[in-house]
Structure formats: structure tokens, C-alpha cells
Amino acid sequence: MLRKDNLLDEEVASRQELDQLSTNEKLTKLEKSLDETYQRLTALTEKFNGVQKQFKQRITKAEKQLRNEHESLQDKLAAQRLSVPQQFVH
């Protein structure tokens, strides 16, 4: 009688169950995808931090070398000025 009046539709109930399972499966896949994305982001962040650290070390080393070269040139120029007789200096 309920089937006749369209109040009980087994097919609709079955579809809803399948939709629910499908939604759960989708949620599971989404969670897995989110976990994988988080892991990738973590790995990329770690790699970025490592590269950034190396870059900063290289910059610091280059700055130190330039500072040393600059000081060395200043010392050479000062020594040359001292060795030049005063009559040639303008």
C-alpha cells in the first residue's frame, strides 16, 4: 500500500544510501588529498628554508670577502700615498 501511494520508495532509499556512501568515499579521498598536500607543503617549506639559509650564508661570505678586499685596497692606497713624495701630491 505504501508503495502504491509512493510514500515508500525503496529505489529512492537505495539511491540515498549509495549517495551517502559516495559522500563518505569523497570525504575520505578529500582527507587523503589534504594530508598529501600538507606533506608536500611541509617538504617544500623545509627545502625553501634550507635554500634560503644557504643563500644567506653565501651572501654573508661574499660581503665578508668584499669587505676584506676593500680594506686591502685601502691599505695599499694608503701605503702608496705614504711612499709618494709630497711634491707630487696635489
C-alpha atoms as a PDB file:
ATOM      1  CA  MET A   1       0.000   0.000   0.000  1.00  0.00           C
ATOM      2  CA  LEU A   2       2.792   2.490   0.824  1.00  0.00           C
ATOM      3  CA  ARG A   3       4.471   1.653  -2.432  1.00  0.00           C
ATOM      4  CA  LYS A   4       1.274   2.277  -4.275  1.00  0.00           C
ATOM      5  CA  ASP A   5       0.918   5.744  -2.768  1.00  0.00           C
ATOM      6  CA  ASN A   6       4.565   6.471  -3.485  1.00  0.00           C
ATOM      7  CA  LEU A   7       5.249   7.003   0.223  1.00  0.00           C
ATOM      8  CA  LEU A   8       7.821   4.251   0.395  1.00  0.00           C
ATOM      9  CA  ASP A   9      10.182   4.185  -2.485  1.00  0.00           C
ATOM     10  CA  GLU A  10      12.824   1.547  -1.999  1.00  0.00           C
ATOM     11  CA  GLU A  11      14.685   2.829  -5.012  1.00  0.00           C
ATOM     12  CA  VAL A  12      14.958   6.323  -3.512  1.00  0.00           C
ATOM     13  CA  ALA A  13      16.167   4.853  -0.207  1.00  0.00           C
ATOM     14  CA  SER A  14      18.732   2.770  -2.053  1.00  0.00           C
ATOM     15  CA  ARG A  15      19.977   5.803  -4.012  1.00  0.00           C
ATOM     16  CA  GLN A  16      20.264   7.832  -0.818  1.00  0.00           C
ATOM     17  CA  GLU A  17      22.340   5.071   0.742  1.00  0.00           C
ATOM     18  CA  LEU A  18      24.590   4.997  -2.313  1.00  0.00           C
ATOM     19  CA  ASP A  19      24.851   8.784  -2.251  1.00  0.00           C
ATOM     20  CA  GLN A  20      25.810   8.617   1.422  1.00  0.00           C
ATOM     21  CA  LEU A  21      28.485   6.020   0.703  1.00  0.00           C
ATOM     22  CA  SER A  22      29.667   8.094  -2.181  1.00  0.00           C
ATOM     23  CA  THR A  23      29.837  11.160   0.044  1.00  0.00           C
ATOM     24  CA  ASN A  24      31.847   9.226   2.622  1.00  0.00           C
ATOM     25  CA  GLU A  25      34.181   7.987  -0.073  1.00  0.00           C
ATOM     26  CA  LYS A  26      34.549  11.527  -1.381  1.00  0.00           C
ATOM     27  CA  LEU A  27      35.309  12.746   2.126  1.00  0.00           C
ATOM     28  CA  THR A  28      37.909  10.023   2.580  1.00  0.00           C
ATOM     29  CA  LYS A  29      39.564  10.936  -0.720  1.00  0.00           C
ATOM     30  CA  LEU A  30      39.463  14.623   0.188  1.00  0.00           C
ATOM     31  CA  GLU A  31      41.083  13.923   3.569  1.00  0.00           C
ATOM     32  CA  LYS A  32      43.778  11.828   1.899  1.00  0.00           C
ATOM     33  CA  SER A  33      44.394  14.543  -0.672  1.00  0.00           C
ATOM     34  CA  LEU A  34      44.591  17.167   2.059  1.00  0.00           C
ATOM     35  CA  ASP A  35      47.112  15.071   4.003  1.00  0.00           C
ATOM     36  CA  GLU A  36      49.251  14.591   0.888  1.00  0.00           C
ATOM     37  CA  THR A  37      49.081  18.301   0.106  1.00  0.00           C
ATOM     38  CA  TYR A  38      50.098  19.153   3.663  1.00  0.00           C
ATOM     39  CA  GLN A  39      53.040  16.740   3.442  1.00  0.00           C
ATOM     40  CA  ARG A  40      54.153  18.273   0.145  1.00  0.00           C
ATOM     41  CA  LEU A  41      53.827  21.781   1.567  1.00  0.00           C
ATOM     42  CA  THR A  42      55.869  20.780   4.595  1.00  0.00           C
ATOM     43  CA  ALA A  43      58.587  19.286   2.387  1.00  0.00           C
ATOM     44  CA  LEU A  44      58.643  22.369   0.145  1.00  0.00           C
ATOM     45  CA  THR A  45      58.813  24.662   3.162  1.00  0.00           C
ATOM     46  CA  GLU A  46      61.745  22.701   4.576  1.00  0.00           C
ATOM     47  CA  LYS A  47      63.515  22.791   1.212  1.00  0.00           C
ATOM     48  CA  PHE A  48      62.843  26.531   0.870  1.00  0.00           C
ATOM     49  CA  ASN A  49      64.229  27.185   4.352  1.00  0.00           C
ATOM     50  CA  GLY A  50      67.362  25.173   3.528  1.00  0.00           C
ATOM     51  CA  VAL A  51      67.938  27.015   0.265  1.00  0.00           C
ATOM     52  CA  GLN A  52      67.291  30.356   1.961  1.00  0.00           C
ATOM     53  CA  LYS A  53      69.838  29.507   4.682  1.00  0.00           C
ATOM     54  CA  GLN A  54      72.450  28.580   2.057  1.00  0.00           C
ATOM     55  CA  PHE A  55      71.706  31.779   0.141  1.00  0.00           C
ATOM     56  CA  LYS A  56      72.148  33.905   3.264  1.00  0.00           C
ATOM     57  CA  GLN A  57      75.426  32.117   4.045  1.00  0.00           C
ATOM     58  CA  ARG A  58      76.702  32.804   0.531  1.00  0.00           C
ATOM     59  CA  ILE A  59      75.719  36.476   0.760  1.00  0.00           C
ATOM     60  CA  THR A  60      77.444  36.800   4.131  1.00  0.00           C
ATOM     61  CA  LYS A  61      80.570  35.140   2.738  1.00  0.00           C
ATOM     62  CA  ALA A  62      80.567  37.420  -0.345  1.00  0.00           C
ATOM     63  CA  GLU A  63      80.079  40.511   1.826  1.00  0.00           C
ATOM     64  CA  LYS A  64      82.973  39.442   4.043  1.00  0.00           C
ATOM     65  CA  GLN A  65      85.220  38.898   1.017  1.00  0.00           C
ATOM     66  CA  LEU A  66      84.275  42.274  -0.437  1.00  0.00           C
ATOM     67  CA  ARG A  67      84.902  43.973   2.905  1.00  0.00           C
ATOM     68  CA  ASN A  68      88.333  42.315   3.148  1.00  0.00           C
ATOM     69  CA  GLU A  69      89.202  43.289  -0.443  1.00  0.00           C
ATOM     70  CA  HIS A  70      88.041  46.850   0.180  1.00  0.00           C
ATOM     71  CA  GLU A  71      90.169  47.109   3.328  1.00  0.00           C
ATOM     72  CA  SER A  72      93.134  45.614   1.489  1.00  0.00           C
ATOM     73  CA  LEU A  73      92.800  48.148  -1.329  1.00  0.00           C
ATOM     74  CA  GLN A  74      92.500  50.985   1.156  1.00  0.00           C
ATOM     75  CA  ASP A  75      95.670  49.796   2.900  1.00  0.00           C
ATOM     76  CA  LYS A  76      97.511  49.604  -0.448  1.00  0.00           C
ATOM     77  CA  LEU A  77      96.346  53.094  -1.409  1.00  0.00           C
ATOM     78  CA  ALA A  78      97.400  54.464   1.967  1.00  0.00           C
ATOM     79  CA  ALA A  79     100.822  52.807   1.602  1.00  0.00           C
ATOM     80  CA  GLN A  80     101.218  54.246  -1.904  1.00  0.00           C
ATOM     81  CA  ARG A  81     100.344  57.738  -0.685  1.00  0.00           C
ATOM     82  CA  LEU A  82     102.959  57.474   2.024  1.00  0.00           C
ATOM     83  CA  SER A  83     105.607  56.369  -0.464  1.00  0.00           C
ATOM     84  CA  VAL A  84     104.890  59.224  -2.918  1.00  0.00           C
ATOM     85  CA  PRO A  85     106.995  62.343  -2.176  1.00  0.00           C
ATOM     86  CA  GLN A  86     104.944  65.306  -1.017  1.00  0.00           C
ATOM     87  CA  GLN A  87     105.944  67.436  -4.046  1.00  0.00           C
ATOM     88  CA  PHE A  88     103.997  65.116  -6.398  1.00  0.00           C
ATOM     89  CA  VAL A  89     100.770  65.179  -4.361  1.00  0.00           C
ATOM     90  CA  HIS A  90      98.270  67.883  -5.391  1.00  0.00           C
END
